[in-house]
Amino acid sequence: MRRALPVTVVLSMFLALTSGVASSPRVAAEGMRNVDAWIELSSTHPGVGCTLDVSIEVRDSGFAVGQTEVSLALFIGDDVIGDDSAVTGDDGVAHLALDTSGAWGGASAWMDINVADAYLTGLSIFPTSDGGCGDDGQLIEASGAVPAVQVDSAPSADDSGVSFWVPTYKQERNLSCEYAALQIATSALGNGISEYSFDDVVGWSANPHWGYRGDINGWWGNTSDYGVYPEALASALSQFGFSGDVFYAQGDNSQLTARLDNGVPTLVWLALWGDQRVSEESDGVTYTLVPGMHVMVAYGYDDSGVYLSDPAIAGYRFYSWGDFMAMWNVLDGMALGVYA
């Protein structure tokens, strides 16, 4: 059982700028920016089952870097036991949290700290069997070059394609990306349905084509606590005055672009960790599961790629056609067009 403890750590780090002193600007590669970051952790020896609170401030030449994704991943060996992501505010600060329930006392864990999808730094975490959630806090500093990518506004397709407005929204549970994507799509159509409204309507099943598989509050990336596929979502949408158009477009982007041409927000199932397909069977029916599966909402495209709203970060993403199709094809081009 997850045990969320009320520990809040707020980073108070003010960078003093020396007036009247000129300094040589640091030079980053094109499309990159050099950043300084201050990372404060509530504990480096958290008790197993604690919520480890982390605050990150990101600055470039003394100026706050806002609307930029930061993410954490906590590993024991090669296994991810916790992750979280957030977008920095106008003050350059983001607040994140990691549940250590997947750890065990005496283990040595490693935390990756990423900014704009680029690795910035990392540090060791030592979970304990009987420690608190605020023991042995630590402030560390890091600097490095990261992509100059912001997520404050929706990028638009160029003249070769089309795009339309969809909102951003951050999923409220670790594994609720499908329901959050529906909230994004229905909001784009003028009547947003809360992600929580789908819980009991969709129901649960070991087969994700029939219902939600696993614990929606579990850890992302595995196949036991997993998610749900479009067939179960299409049925649920009809109860809220919407309709869902399930399609599979393995190797064919024209089915997606045709819907986007008509202004249809479209959920797409992507294999973010590549092709790691496994098969399972329930009630005589075989189905595919993919570690690292995630759902986003496509809202535009052009010759270069696809534009999406990502509920994991409450921000927008762009993938080239090559990268997008590689991730989409693993799940057979699984998608759901949403209509009013």
Protein backbone atom coordinates (compact mmCIF):
# COMPACT_ATOMS: atom_id res chain seq x y z
CA MET A 1 0.00 0.00 0.00
CA ARG A 2 1.29 3.49 -0.79
CA ARG A 3 1.88 5.63 2.25
CA ALA A 4 1.89 9.33 1.42
CA LEU A 5 3.21 11.36 4.33
CA PRO A 6 2.60 15.10 4.67
CA VAL A 7 6.14 16.28 4.07
CA THR A 8 6.58 19.46 2.06
CA VAL A 9 9.93 20.92 1.17
CA VAL A 10 9.91 24.26 -0.56
CA LEU A 11 13.12 25.44 -2.14
CA SER A 12 14.08 28.96 -1.12
CA MET A 13 17.09 29.74 -3.22
CA PHE A 14 17.73 33.28 -4.37
CA LEU A 15 20.58 33.90 -6.80
CA ALA A 16 22.30 37.21 -6.05
CA LEU A 17 23.28 39.07 -9.19
CA THR A 18 26.24 41.39 -8.75
CA SER A 19 25.44 44.78 -10.22
CA GLY A 20 28.05 46.58 -12.26
CA VAL A 21 30.13 43.48 -12.88
CA ALA A 22 30.31 42.23 -16.43
CA SER A 23 30.84 38.54 -17.08
CA SER A 24 31.50 36.63 -20.27
CA PRO A 25 28.42 34.73 -21.38
CA ARG A 26 28.69 30.98 -21.59
CA VAL A 27 28.21 29.61 -25.08
CA ALA A 28 25.93 26.64 -25.72
CA ALA A 29 25.45 24.68 -28.91
CA GLU A 30 22.63 25.78 -31.21
CA GLY A 31 19.31 24.75 -29.74
CA MET A 32 20.88 24.29 -26.30
CA ARG A 33 21.14 26.44 -23.17
CA ASN A 34 23.54 26.33 -20.26
CA VAL A 35 21.67 26.16 -16.98
CA ASP A 36 22.42 26.16 -13.28
CA ALA A 37 20.16 24.15 -11.00
CA TRP A 38 19.61 23.92 -7.26
CA ILE A 39 18.03 20.68 -6.11
CA GLU A 40 16.72 20.27 -2.56
CA LEU A 41 15.67 16.85 -1.26
CA SER A 42 13.72 16.18 1.90
CA SER A 43 15.95 13.17 2.63
CA THR A 44 18.81 11.13 1.23
CA HIS A 45 18.01 8.29 3.67
CA PRO A 46 14.20 8.11 3.40
CA GLY A 47 12.20 5.38 5.06
CA VAL A 48 10.71 2.82 2.71
CA GLY A 49 7.17 3.98 1.88
CA CYS A 50 7.95 7.66 2.34
CA THR A 51 7.23 10.39 -0.13
CA LEU A 52 10.56 11.96 -1.06
CA ASP A 53 9.93 15.63 -1.86
CA VAL A 54 12.23 17.37 -4.31
CA SER A 55 12.34 21.01 -5.39
CA ILE A 56 14.38 22.13 -8.38
CA GLU A 57 15.21 25.69 -9.42
CA VAL A 58 16.60 26.21 -12.92
CA ARG A 59 18.32 29.39 -14.11
CA ASP A 60 20.19 30.54 -17.21
CA SER A 61 22.74 33.33 -16.67
CA GLY A 62 20.88 34.26 -13.50
CA PHE A 63 17.44 34.39 -15.12
CA ALA A 64 14.69 31.95 -14.19
CA VAL A 65 14.01 29.23 -16.77
CA GLY A 66 10.24 28.81 -16.77
CA GLN A 67 7.85 26.48 -18.59
CA THR A 68 10.50 23.78 -18.92
CA GLU A 69 9.99 20.13 -18.04
CA VAL A 70 12.04 18.59 -15.25
CA SER A 71 11.79 14.93 -14.36
CA LEU A 72 13.09 12.45 -11.80
CA ALA A 73 13.63 8.70 -12.02
CA LEU A 74 14.63 6.56 -9.05
CA PHE A 75 16.44 3.31 -9.86
CA ILE A 76 17.55 0.25 -7.97
CA GLY A 77 19.83 -1.49 -10.41
CA ASP A 78 18.16 -1.28 -13.81
CA ASP A 79 14.64 -1.13 -12.37
CA VAL A 80 12.74 2.16 -12.12
CA ILE A 81 10.99 2.20 -8.74
CA GLY A 82 9.66 5.75 -8.89
CA ASP A 83 9.38 8.71 -11.23
CA ASP A 84 7.76 12.11 -11.47
CA SER A 85 7.80 15.12 -13.79
CA ALA A 86 6.68 18.74 -13.59
CA VAL A 87 7.06 22.01 -15.43
CA THR A 88 8.94 24.95 -13.93
CA GLY A 89 6.93 28.05 -13.10
CA ASP A 90 7.82 31.62 -13.99
CA ASP A 91 10.20 31.59 -11.01
CA GLY A 92 12.10 28.66 -12.52
CA VAL A 93 11.03 26.31 -9.72
CA ALA A 94 9.31 22.91 -9.98
CA HIS A 95 8.14 20.67 -7.15
CA LEU A 96 8.21 16.90 -7.51
CA ALA A 97 7.69 13.83 -5.33
CA LEU A 98 8.84 10.21 -5.38
CA ASP A 99 7.24 7.34 -3.49
CA THR A 100 9.87 4.97 -2.10
CA SER A 101 7.46 2.05 -1.61
CA GLY A 102 9.27 0.07 -4.29
CA ALA A 103 12.57 0.19 -2.36
CA TRP A 104 13.78 -1.90 0.54
CA GLY A 105 15.95 -1.15 3.53
CA GLY A 106 19.66 -1.36 2.88
CA ALA A 107 19.32 -0.94 -0.88
CA SER A 108 21.31 1.69 -2.72
CA ALA A 109 19.16 3.67 -5.16
CA TRP A 110 20.15 6.17 -7.81
CA MET A 111 18.17 9.26 -8.81
CA ASP A 112 18.41 10.71 -12.32
CA ILE A 113 17.58 14.43 -12.58
CA ASN A 114 16.62 15.56 -16.09
CA VAL A 115 15.86 18.98 -17.53
CA ALA A 116 14.12 19.34 -20.92
CA ASP A 117 14.50 15.58 -21.48
CA ALA A 118 18.28 15.78 -20.99
CA TYR A 119 20.21 14.22 -18.11
CA LEU A 120 21.60 16.96 -15.86
CA THR A 121 22.89 15.18 -12.77
CA GLY A 122 22.19 12.37 -10.34
CA LEU A 123 22.88 11.21 -6.82
CA SER A 124 22.65 8.18 -4.57
CA ILE A 125 19.68 7.64 -2.24
CA PHE A 126 19.80 5.14 0.61
CA PRO A 127 16.33 3.89 1.67
CA THR A 128 16.08 2.64 5.24
CA SER A 129 13.63 0.32 6.95
CA ASP A 130 12.85 2.67 9.82
CA GLY A 131 13.87 6.15 8.66
CA GLY A 132 11.70 9.23 8.46
CA CYS A 133 10.74 11.18 5.37
CA GLY A 134 12.64 14.32 6.35
CA ASP A 135 15.89 12.86 7.68
CA ASP A 136 19.23 14.03 6.27
CA GLY A 137 17.92 16.49 3.70
CA GLN A 138 20.36 17.81 1.15
CA LEU A 139 20.83 20.72 -1.24
CA ILE A 140 22.98 20.11 -4.30
CA GLU A 141 23.98 22.31 -7.22
CA ALA A 142 24.48 21.27 -10.82
CA SER A 143 25.25 22.92 -14.15
CA GLY A 144 25.05 21.67 -17.70
CA ALA A 145 23.80 22.16 -21.24
CA VAL A 146 20.19 21.14 -21.93
CA PRO A 147 17.82 21.63 -24.89
CA ALA A 148 16.21 25.06 -25.04
CA VAL A 149 12.70 23.59 -25.08
CA GLN A 150 9.71 25.22 -23.39
CA VAL A 151 6.17 23.92 -23.04
CA ASP A 152 4.23 27.11 -22.32
CA SER A 153 2.34 27.28 -25.61
CA ALA A 154 1.24 24.85 -28.25
CA PRO A 155 3.61 24.64 -31.20
CA SER A 156 1.75 24.89 -34.49
CA ALA A 157 2.12 22.99 -37.72
CA ASP A 158 3.73 24.79 -40.63
CA ASP A 159 2.02 25.49 -43.96
CA SER A 160 2.38 21.86 -45.01
CA GLY A 161 0.03 20.59 -42.31
CA VAL A 162 -2.78 21.43 -39.92
CA SER A 163 -3.21 22.01 -36.21
CA PHE A 164 -5.97 23.07 -33.85
CA TRP A 165 -6.19 24.02 -30.20
CA VAL A 166 -6.23 21.47 -27.42
CA PRO A 167 -5.43 22.31 -23.79
CA THR A 168 -2.76 20.96 -21.53
CA TYR A 169 -3.60 19.06 -18.37
CA LYS A 170 -1.48 17.08 -15.91
CA GLN A 171 -2.71 13.64 -14.96
CA GLU A 172 -3.42 13.42 -11.25
CA ARG A 173 -2.37 9.79 -10.75
CA ASN A 174 0.70 7.87 -11.81
CA LEU A 175 -1.13 5.75 -14.39
CA SER A 176 -4.13 7.85 -15.39
CA CYS A 177 -2.73 9.12 -18.71
CA GLU A 178 -5.59 7.55 -20.71
CA TYR A 179 -8.29 9.24 -18.62
CA ALA A 180 -6.30 12.50 -18.53
CA ALA A 181 -5.97 12.36 -22.32
CA LEU A 182 -9.75 12.02 -22.54
CA GLN A 183 -10.11 15.08 -20.33
CA ILE A 184 -7.82 16.97 -22.74
CA ALA A 185 -9.71 15.78 -25.83
CA THR A 186 -13.20 16.46 -24.45
CA SER A 187 -12.07 19.88 -23.18
CA ALA A 188 -10.91 20.72 -26.70
CA LEU A 189 -14.45 19.92 -27.84
CA GLY A 190 -15.97 22.29 -25.29
CA ASN A 191 -17.09 20.06 -22.43
CA GLY A 192 -14.20 18.56 -20.51
CA ILE A 193 -14.91 15.34 -18.59
CA SER A 194 -12.90 14.84 -15.41
CA GLU A 195 -10.40 11.99 -15.49
CA TYR A 196 -12.00 10.61 -12.32
CA SER A 197 -15.37 10.25 -14.06
CA PHE A 198 -14.03 7.36 -16.13
CA ASP A 199 -12.91 5.15 -13.24
CA ASP A 200 -16.11 3.25 -12.56
CA VAL A 201 -17.52 3.64 -16.07
CA VAL A 202 -14.56 1.91 -17.75
CA GLY A 203 -14.19 -0.77 -15.08
CA TRP A 204 -11.30 -3.18 -14.64
CA SER A 205 -9.95 -6.20 -16.48
CA ALA A 206 -6.69 -8.10 -16.90
CA ASN A 207 -7.23 -7.52 -20.64
CA PRO A 208 -6.77 -3.76 -21.25
CA HIS A 209 -9.03 -3.93 -24.32
CA TRP A 210 -11.91 -4.70 -21.93
CA GLY A 211 -11.13 -2.49 -18.91
CA TYR A 212 -8.42 -0.87 -16.84
CA ARG A 213 -5.58 -3.26 -15.99
CA GLY A 214 -3.96 -2.98 -12.56
CA ASP A 215 -3.66 -0.20 -10.00
CA ILE A 216 -4.03 3.30 -11.42
CA ASN A 217 -1.77 4.56 -8.59
CA GLY A 218 0.97 2.03 -9.34
CA TRP A 219 4.35 2.80 -10.84
CA TRP A 220 4.57 3.62 -14.51
CA GLY A 221 6.47 1.39 -16.91
CA ASN A 222 5.48 -2.12 -15.81
CA THR A 223 2.77 -4.39 -17.23
CA SER A 224 1.00 -5.43 -14.02
CA ASP A 225 -0.17 -1.93 -13.10
CA TYR A 226 -0.67 -0.79 -16.63
CA GLY A 227 -3.63 1.05 -18.14
CA VAL A 228 -6.38 0.63 -20.71
CA TYR A 229 -6.82 0.43 -24.48
CA PRO A 230 -9.23 2.38 -26.73
CA GLU A 231 -12.11 -0.11 -27.00
CA ALA A 232 -13.02 0.28 -23.33
CA LEU A 233 -12.67 4.07 -23.56
CA ALA A 234 -14.92 4.36 -26.63
CA SER A 235 -17.71 2.60 -24.78
CA ALA A 236 -17.28 4.90 -21.77
CA LEU A 237 -17.32 8.07 -23.89
CA SER A 238 -20.82 7.30 -25.12
CA GLN A 239 -22.11 7.74 -21.58
CA PHE A 240 -20.91 11.36 -21.52
CA GLY A 241 -22.33 12.52 -24.85
CA PHE A 242 -19.20 11.82 -26.91
CA SER A 243 -18.25 9.10 -29.33
CA GLY A 244 -14.95 7.33 -29.80
CA ASP A 245 -13.54 6.11 -33.10
CA VAL A 246 -11.13 3.21 -32.47
CA PHE A 247 -8.63 2.51 -35.22
CA TYR A 248 -5.35 0.69 -35.74
CA ALA A 249 -3.01 2.16 -38.33
CA GLN A 250 0.13 0.03 -38.26
CA GLY A 251 2.65 1.69 -40.59
CA ASP A 252 0.08 4.12 -42.05
CA ASN A 253 -0.05 7.71 -40.82
CA SER A 254 -2.82 8.69 -43.25
CA GLN A 255 -5.56 7.46 -40.90
CA LEU A 256 -4.26 9.82 -38.22
CA THR A 257 -3.73 12.79 -40.53
CA ALA A 258 -7.23 12.38 -42.00
CA ARG A 259 -8.76 12.79 -38.55
CA LEU A 260 -6.52 15.73 -37.71
CA ASP A 261 -7.51 17.34 -41.02
CA ASN A 262 -11.07 17.28 -39.67
CA GLY A 263 -10.17 18.76 -36.28
CA VAL A 264 -10.57 15.49 -34.36
CA PRO A 265 -8.40 15.29 -31.19
CA THR A 266 -6.92 11.81 -31.31
CA LEU A 267 -5.46 9.70 -28.50
CA VAL A 268 -2.39 7.71 -29.54
CA TRP A 269 -0.75 4.84 -27.65
CA LEU A 270 3.06 5.07 -27.75
CA ALA A 271 5.85 2.72 -26.65
CA LEU A 272 8.25 5.23 -25.11
CA TRP A 273 10.78 2.52 -24.23
CA GLY A 274 10.79 0.93 -27.67
CA ASP A 275 9.66 -2.51 -28.74
CA GLN A 276 9.44 -4.62 -25.58
CA ARG A 277 6.16 -6.37 -26.42
CA VAL A 278 4.96 -9.28 -24.33
CA SER A 279 1.85 -11.41 -24.83
CA GLU A 280 -0.64 -12.57 -22.21
CA GLU A 281 -3.89 -14.48 -22.33
CA SER A 282 -7.18 -14.09 -20.43
CA ASP A 283 -10.33 -16.13 -21.02
CA GLY A 284 -8.82 -17.61 -24.15
CA VAL A 285 -7.99 -14.21 -25.67
CA THR A 286 -4.37 -13.19 -26.32
CA TYR A 287 -3.36 -9.53 -26.12
CA THR A 288 -0.17 -7.48 -26.18
CA LEU A 289 1.34 -5.45 -23.33
CA VAL A 290 4.24 -3.02 -23.72
CA PRO A 291 6.43 -1.74 -20.84
CA GLY A 292 6.74 2.05 -21.05
CA MET A 293 3.35 2.53 -22.73
CA HIS A 294 1.99 6.10 -22.61
CA VAL A 295 -0.96 7.96 -24.15
CA MET A 296 -0.97 11.50 -25.56
CA VAL A 297 -3.41 13.56 -27.63
CA ALA A 298 -2.45 14.41 -31.23
CA TYR A 299 -3.70 17.81 -32.38
CA GLY A 300 -1.63 18.58 -35.47
CA TYR A 301 0.97 17.51 -37.98
CA ASP A 302 3.10 18.77 -40.84
CA ASP A 303 5.73 17.30 -43.14
CA SER A 304 8.22 17.11 -40.30
CA GLY A 305 6.17 15.34 -37.62
CA VAL A 306 3.33 15.22 -35.10
CA TYR A 307 2.20 17.68 -32.40
CA LEU A 308 0.81 16.29 -29.13
CA SER A 309 -0.50 17.33 -25.72
CA ASP A 310 1.17 15.18 -23.05
CA PRO A 311 -0.68 14.68 -19.75
CA ALA A 312 2.51 13.49 -18.05
CA ILE A 313 3.94 17.03 -18.10
CA ALA A 314 0.90 19.24 -18.74
CA GLY A 315 2.77 20.44 -21.81
CA TYR A 316 3.14 20.02 -25.55
CA ARG A 317 5.47 17.72 -27.42
CA PHE A 318 6.65 17.31 -31.00
CA TYR A 319 7.99 14.10 -32.54
CA SER A 320 9.43 13.67 -36.00
CA TRP A 321 7.48 11.24 -38.16
CA GLY A 322 10.28 8.68 -37.87
CA ASP A 323 10.36 8.77 -34.07
CA PHE A 324 6.60 8.89 -33.75
CA MET A 325 5.90 5.99 -36.09
CA ALA A 326 8.56 3.85 -34.39
CA MET A 327 6.80 4.27 -31.02
CA TRP A 328 3.25 4.07 -32.42
CA ASN A 329 3.82 0.97 -34.54
CA VAL A 330 4.85 -1.10 -31.51
CA LEU A 331 1.21 -0.87 -30.41
CA ASP A 332 -0.08 -1.46 -33.97
CA GLY A 333 -0.91 2.21 -34.50
CA MET A 334 -3.50 2.06 -31.70
CA ALA A 335 -5.60 5.23 -31.54
CA LEU A 336 -8.93 6.76 -30.56
CA GLY A 337 -10.51 9.74 -32.29
CA VAL A 338 -12.85 11.70 -29.99
CA TYR A 339 -16.00 13.36 -31.35
CA ALA A 340 -18.69 15.50 -29.76
